[in-house]
Amino acid sequence: MATKKAAGSTSLGRDSAGRRLGVKITDGEWAKAGAIIIRQRGSKYYPGLNVKKGKDDTLFALKSGFVKFTTKKLKKFDGSLKITKIVNVVTKEATLKKTVAKVKKAKKNTKSNSLKK
């Protein structure tokens, strides 16, 4: 005679493994070309500059650079506004051009201020 009662089988009790979705490279981090930035189902985040969307909605970098997240209000088909999250990859050349332009502008302002005196 058995000391324990036999356990019956159940049709439930199965679960799939997690899909490891989410943000892989955060804002301000360096991303190599081809690096996965976000794994997602559906379009929670949209691709921006130097970013492309894969067939499974994964966002990946086209060029090496710094990851930048921005938000933008876009008009939907019914006329309502939707705040969308856009992922960009800003290359080193673009950041250098911006800093050079800022320095030139600052120098120009200091020259014009000194001439006014």
C-alpha atoms as a PDB file:
ATOM      1  CA  MET A   1       0.000   0.000   0.000  1.00  0.00           C
ATOM      2  CA  ALA A   2       1.315   3.461  -0.890  1.00  0.00           C
ATOM      3  CA  THR A   3       2.173   5.894   1.907  1.00  0.00           C
ATOM      4  CA  LYS A   4       1.144   8.905  -0.182  1.00  0.00           C
ATOM      5  CA  LYS A   5      -1.834   9.476  -2.387  1.00  0.00           C
ATOM      6  CA  ALA A   6      -0.919   9.687  -6.074  1.00  0.00           C
ATOM      7  CA  ALA A   7      -0.957  13.250  -7.477  1.00  0.00           C
ATOM      8  CA  GLY A   8      -3.177  13.788 -10.471  1.00  0.00           C
ATOM      9  CA  SER A   9      -1.925  15.506 -13.626  1.00  0.00           C
ATOM     10  CA  THR A  10      -3.052  19.002 -14.529  1.00  0.00           C
ATOM     11  CA  SER A  11      -3.640  20.663 -17.872  1.00  0.00           C
ATOM     12  CA  LEU A  12      -2.306  23.994 -16.511  1.00  0.00           C
ATOM     13  CA  GLY A  13       1.087  24.766 -15.010  1.00  0.00           C
ATOM     14  CA  ARG A  14       3.029  25.628 -18.172  1.00  0.00           C
ATOM     15  CA  ASP A  15       4.739  28.956 -18.699  1.00  0.00           C
ATOM     16  CA  SER A  16       7.068  30.267 -21.382  1.00  0.00           C
ATOM     17  CA  ALA A  17      10.439  31.836 -20.684  1.00  0.00           C
ATOM     18  CA  GLY A  18      10.682  35.641 -20.592  1.00  0.00           C
ATOM     19  CA  ARG A  19      11.477  37.349 -23.889  1.00  0.00           C
ATOM     20  CA  ARG A  20      14.107  39.784 -22.453  1.00  0.00           C
ATOM     21  CA  LEU A  21      12.420  42.876 -23.884  1.00  0.00           C
ATOM     22  CA  GLY A  22      13.193  46.483 -22.996  1.00  0.00           C
ATOM     23  CA  VAL A  23      15.802  49.214 -23.333  1.00  0.00           C
ATOM     24  CA  LYS A  24      19.294  47.772 -23.856  1.00  0.00           C
ATOM     25  CA  ILE A  25      21.246  51.037 -24.327  1.00  0.00           C
ATOM     26  CA  THR A  26      20.065  54.053 -22.327  1.00  0.00           C
ATOM     27  CA  ASP A  27      20.161  57.798 -23.048  1.00  0.00           C
ATOM     28  CA  GLY A  28      23.692  59.204 -23.326  1.00  0.00           C
ATOM     29  CA  GLU A  29      25.411  55.844 -23.782  1.00  0.00           C
ATOM     30  CA  TRP A  30      27.626  55.016 -26.776  1.00  0.00           C
ATOM     31  CA  ALA A  31      26.124  52.623 -29.348  1.00  0.00           C
ATOM     32  CA  LYS A  32      28.136  50.855 -32.029  1.00  0.00           C
ATOM     33  CA  ALA A  33      26.705  50.499 -35.532  1.00  0.00           C
ATOM     34  CA  GLY A  34      24.263  47.578 -35.569  1.00  0.00           C
ATOM     35  CA  ALA A  35      23.837  47.534 -31.774  1.00  0.00           C
ATOM     36  CA  ILE A  36      20.350  46.777 -30.459  1.00  0.00           C
ATOM     37  CA  ILE A  37      18.990  49.793 -28.583  1.00  0.00           C
ATOM     38  CA  ILE A  38      15.471  48.546 -27.733  1.00  0.00           C
ATOM     39  CA  ARG A  39      13.733  45.165 -28.001  1.00  0.00           C
ATOM     40  CA  GLN A  40       9.957  45.646 -28.057  1.00  0.00           C
ATOM     41  CA  ARG A  41       6.654  44.214 -29.209  1.00  0.00           C
ATOM     42  CA  GLY A  42       4.702  46.822 -31.134  1.00  0.00           C
ATOM     43  CA  SER A  43       5.836  50.416 -31.546  1.00  0.00           C
ATOM     44  CA  LYS A  44       6.234  51.931 -28.077  1.00  0.00           C
ATOM     45  CA  TYR A  45       9.404  53.699 -29.286  1.00  0.00           C
ATOM     46  CA  TYR A  46       9.879  55.007 -32.836  1.00  0.00           C
ATOM     47  CA  PRO A  47      13.128  55.206 -34.841  1.00  0.00           C
ATOM     48  CA  GLY A  48      14.680  58.621 -35.424  1.00  0.00           C
ATOM     49  CA  LEU A  49      18.036  59.785 -36.777  1.00  0.00           C
ATOM     50  CA  ASN A  50      20.485  56.923 -37.568  1.00  0.00           C
ATOM     51  CA  VAL A  51      18.091  54.304 -36.117  1.00  0.00           C
ATOM     52  CA  LYS A  52      16.149  51.646 -37.994  1.00  0.00           C
ATOM     53  CA  LYS A  53      13.324  49.280 -37.003  1.00  0.00           C
ATOM     54  CA  GLY A  54      13.689  45.517 -37.546  1.00  0.00           C
ATOM     55  CA  LYS A  55      10.900  43.150 -38.555  1.00  0.00           C
ATOM     56  CA  ASP A  56      10.219  42.259 -34.903  1.00  0.00           C
ATOM     57  CA  ASP A  57      10.032  46.003 -33.966  1.00  0.00           C
ATOM     58  CA  THR A  58      13.585  45.990 -32.546  1.00  0.00           C
ATOM     59  CA  LEU A  59      15.345  49.369 -32.833  1.00  0.00           C
ATOM     60  CA  PHE A  60      19.028  49.261 -33.795  1.00  0.00           C
ATOM     61  CA  ALA A  61      21.752  51.797 -34.587  1.00  0.00           C
ATOM     62  CA  LEU A  62      22.773  52.417 -38.200  1.00  0.00           C
ATOM     63  CA  LYS A  63      25.869  54.432 -37.226  1.00  0.00           C
ATOM     64  CA  SER A  64      28.039  54.594 -34.120  1.00  0.00           C
ATOM     65  CA  GLY A  65      27.184  57.442 -31.763  1.00  0.00           C
ATOM     66  CA  PHE A  66      25.454  58.534 -28.581  1.00  0.00           C
ATOM     67  CA  VAL A  67      21.849  57.421 -27.964  1.00  0.00           C
ATOM     68  CA  LYS A  68      19.393  60.289 -27.465  1.00  0.00           C
ATOM     69  CA  PHE A  69      15.738  59.848 -26.461  1.00  0.00           C
ATOM     70  CA  THR A  70      13.283  62.604 -27.401  1.00  0.00           C
ATOM     71  CA  THR A  71       9.526  63.064 -27.257  1.00  0.00           C
ATOM     72  CA  LYS A  72       7.394  64.590 -29.971  1.00  0.00           C
ATOM     73  CA  LYS A  73       3.684  65.311 -30.326  1.00  0.00           C
ATOM     74  CA  LEU A  74       2.342  63.732 -33.494  1.00  0.00           C
ATOM     75  CA  LYS A  75      -1.154  64.067 -34.929  1.00  0.00           C
ATOM     76  CA  LYS A  76      -3.077  60.820 -35.254  1.00  0.00           C
ATOM     77  CA  PHE A  77      -5.550  60.090 -38.071  1.00  0.00           C
ATOM     78  CA  ASP A  78      -8.513  61.234 -35.967  1.00  0.00           C
ATOM     79  CA  GLY A  79      -6.829  64.606 -35.307  1.00  0.00           C
ATOM     80  CA  SER A  80      -5.874  63.924 -31.679  1.00  0.00           C
ATOM     81  CA  LEU A  81      -2.304  64.441 -30.486  1.00  0.00           C
ATOM     82  CA  LYS A  82      -0.161  61.552 -29.286  1.00  0.00           C
ATOM     83  CA  ILE A  83       3.138  61.945 -27.433  1.00  0.00           C
ATOM     84  CA  THR A  84       5.618  59.584 -29.109  1.00  0.00           C
ATOM     85  CA  LYS A  85       9.045  58.543 -27.868  1.00  0.00           C
ATOM     86  CA  ILE A  86      11.719  58.768 -30.557  1.00  0.00           C
ATOM     87  CA  VAL A  87      15.180  57.190 -30.364  1.00  0.00           C
ATOM     88  CA  ASN A  88      18.097  58.898 -32.152  1.00  0.00           C
ATOM     89  CA  VAL A  89      21.798  58.102 -32.482  1.00  0.00           C
ATOM     90  CA  VAL A  90      23.868  61.284 -32.628  1.00  0.00           C
ATOM     91  CA  THR A  91      27.249  60.709 -34.290  1.00  0.00           C
ATOM     92  CA  LYS A  92      30.519  62.174 -33.036  1.00  0.00           C
ATOM     93  CA  GLU A  93      30.792  64.397 -36.132  1.00  0.00           C
ATOM     94  CA  ALA A  94      27.373  65.934 -35.442  1.00  0.00           C
ATOM     95  CA  THR A  95      28.275  66.707 -31.813  1.00  0.00           C
ATOM     96  CA  LEU A  96      31.591  68.234 -32.912  1.00  0.00           C
ATOM     97  CA  LYS A  97      29.832  70.432 -35.486  1.00  0.00           C
ATOM     98  CA  LYS A  98      27.397  71.659 -32.817  1.00  0.00           C
ATOM     99  CA  THR A  99      30.161  72.504 -30.330  1.00  0.00           C
ATOM    100  CA  VAL A 100      32.229  74.294 -33.005  1.00  0.00           C
ATOM    101  CA  ALA A 101      29.157  76.308 -34.029  1.00  0.00           C
ATOM    102  CA  LYS A 102      28.504  77.245 -30.375  1.00  0.00           C
ATOM    103  CA  VAL A 103      32.127  78.343 -29.891  1.00  0.00           C
ATOM    104  CA  LYS A 104      32.038  80.454 -33.080  1.00  0.00           C
ATOM    105  CA  LYS A 105      28.773  82.052 -31.988  1.00  0.00           C
ATOM    106  CA  ALA A 106      30.190  82.816 -28.542  1.00  0.00           C
ATOM    107  CA  LYS A 107      33.329  84.383 -30.059  1.00  0.00           C
ATOM    108  CA  LYS A 108      31.193  86.461 -32.426  1.00  0.00           C
ATOM    109  CA  ASN A 109      29.051  87.712 -29.513  1.00  0.00           C
ATOM    110  CA  THR A 110      32.106  88.699 -27.464  1.00  0.00           C
ATOM    111  CA  LYS A 111      33.595  90.583 -30.438  1.00  0.00           C
ATOM    112  CA  SER A 112      30.355  92.471 -31.090  1.00  0.00           C
ATOM    113  CA  ASN A 113      30.032  93.312 -27.385  1.00  0.00           C
ATOM    114  CA  SER A 114      33.580  94.697 -27.273  1.00  0.00           C
ATOM    115  CA  LEU A 115      32.926  96.855 -30.376  1.00  0.00           C
ATOM    116  CA  LYS A 116      29.812  98.396 -28.797  1.00  0.00           C
ATOM    117  CA  LYS A 117      31.809  99.691 -25.827  1.00  0.00           C
END
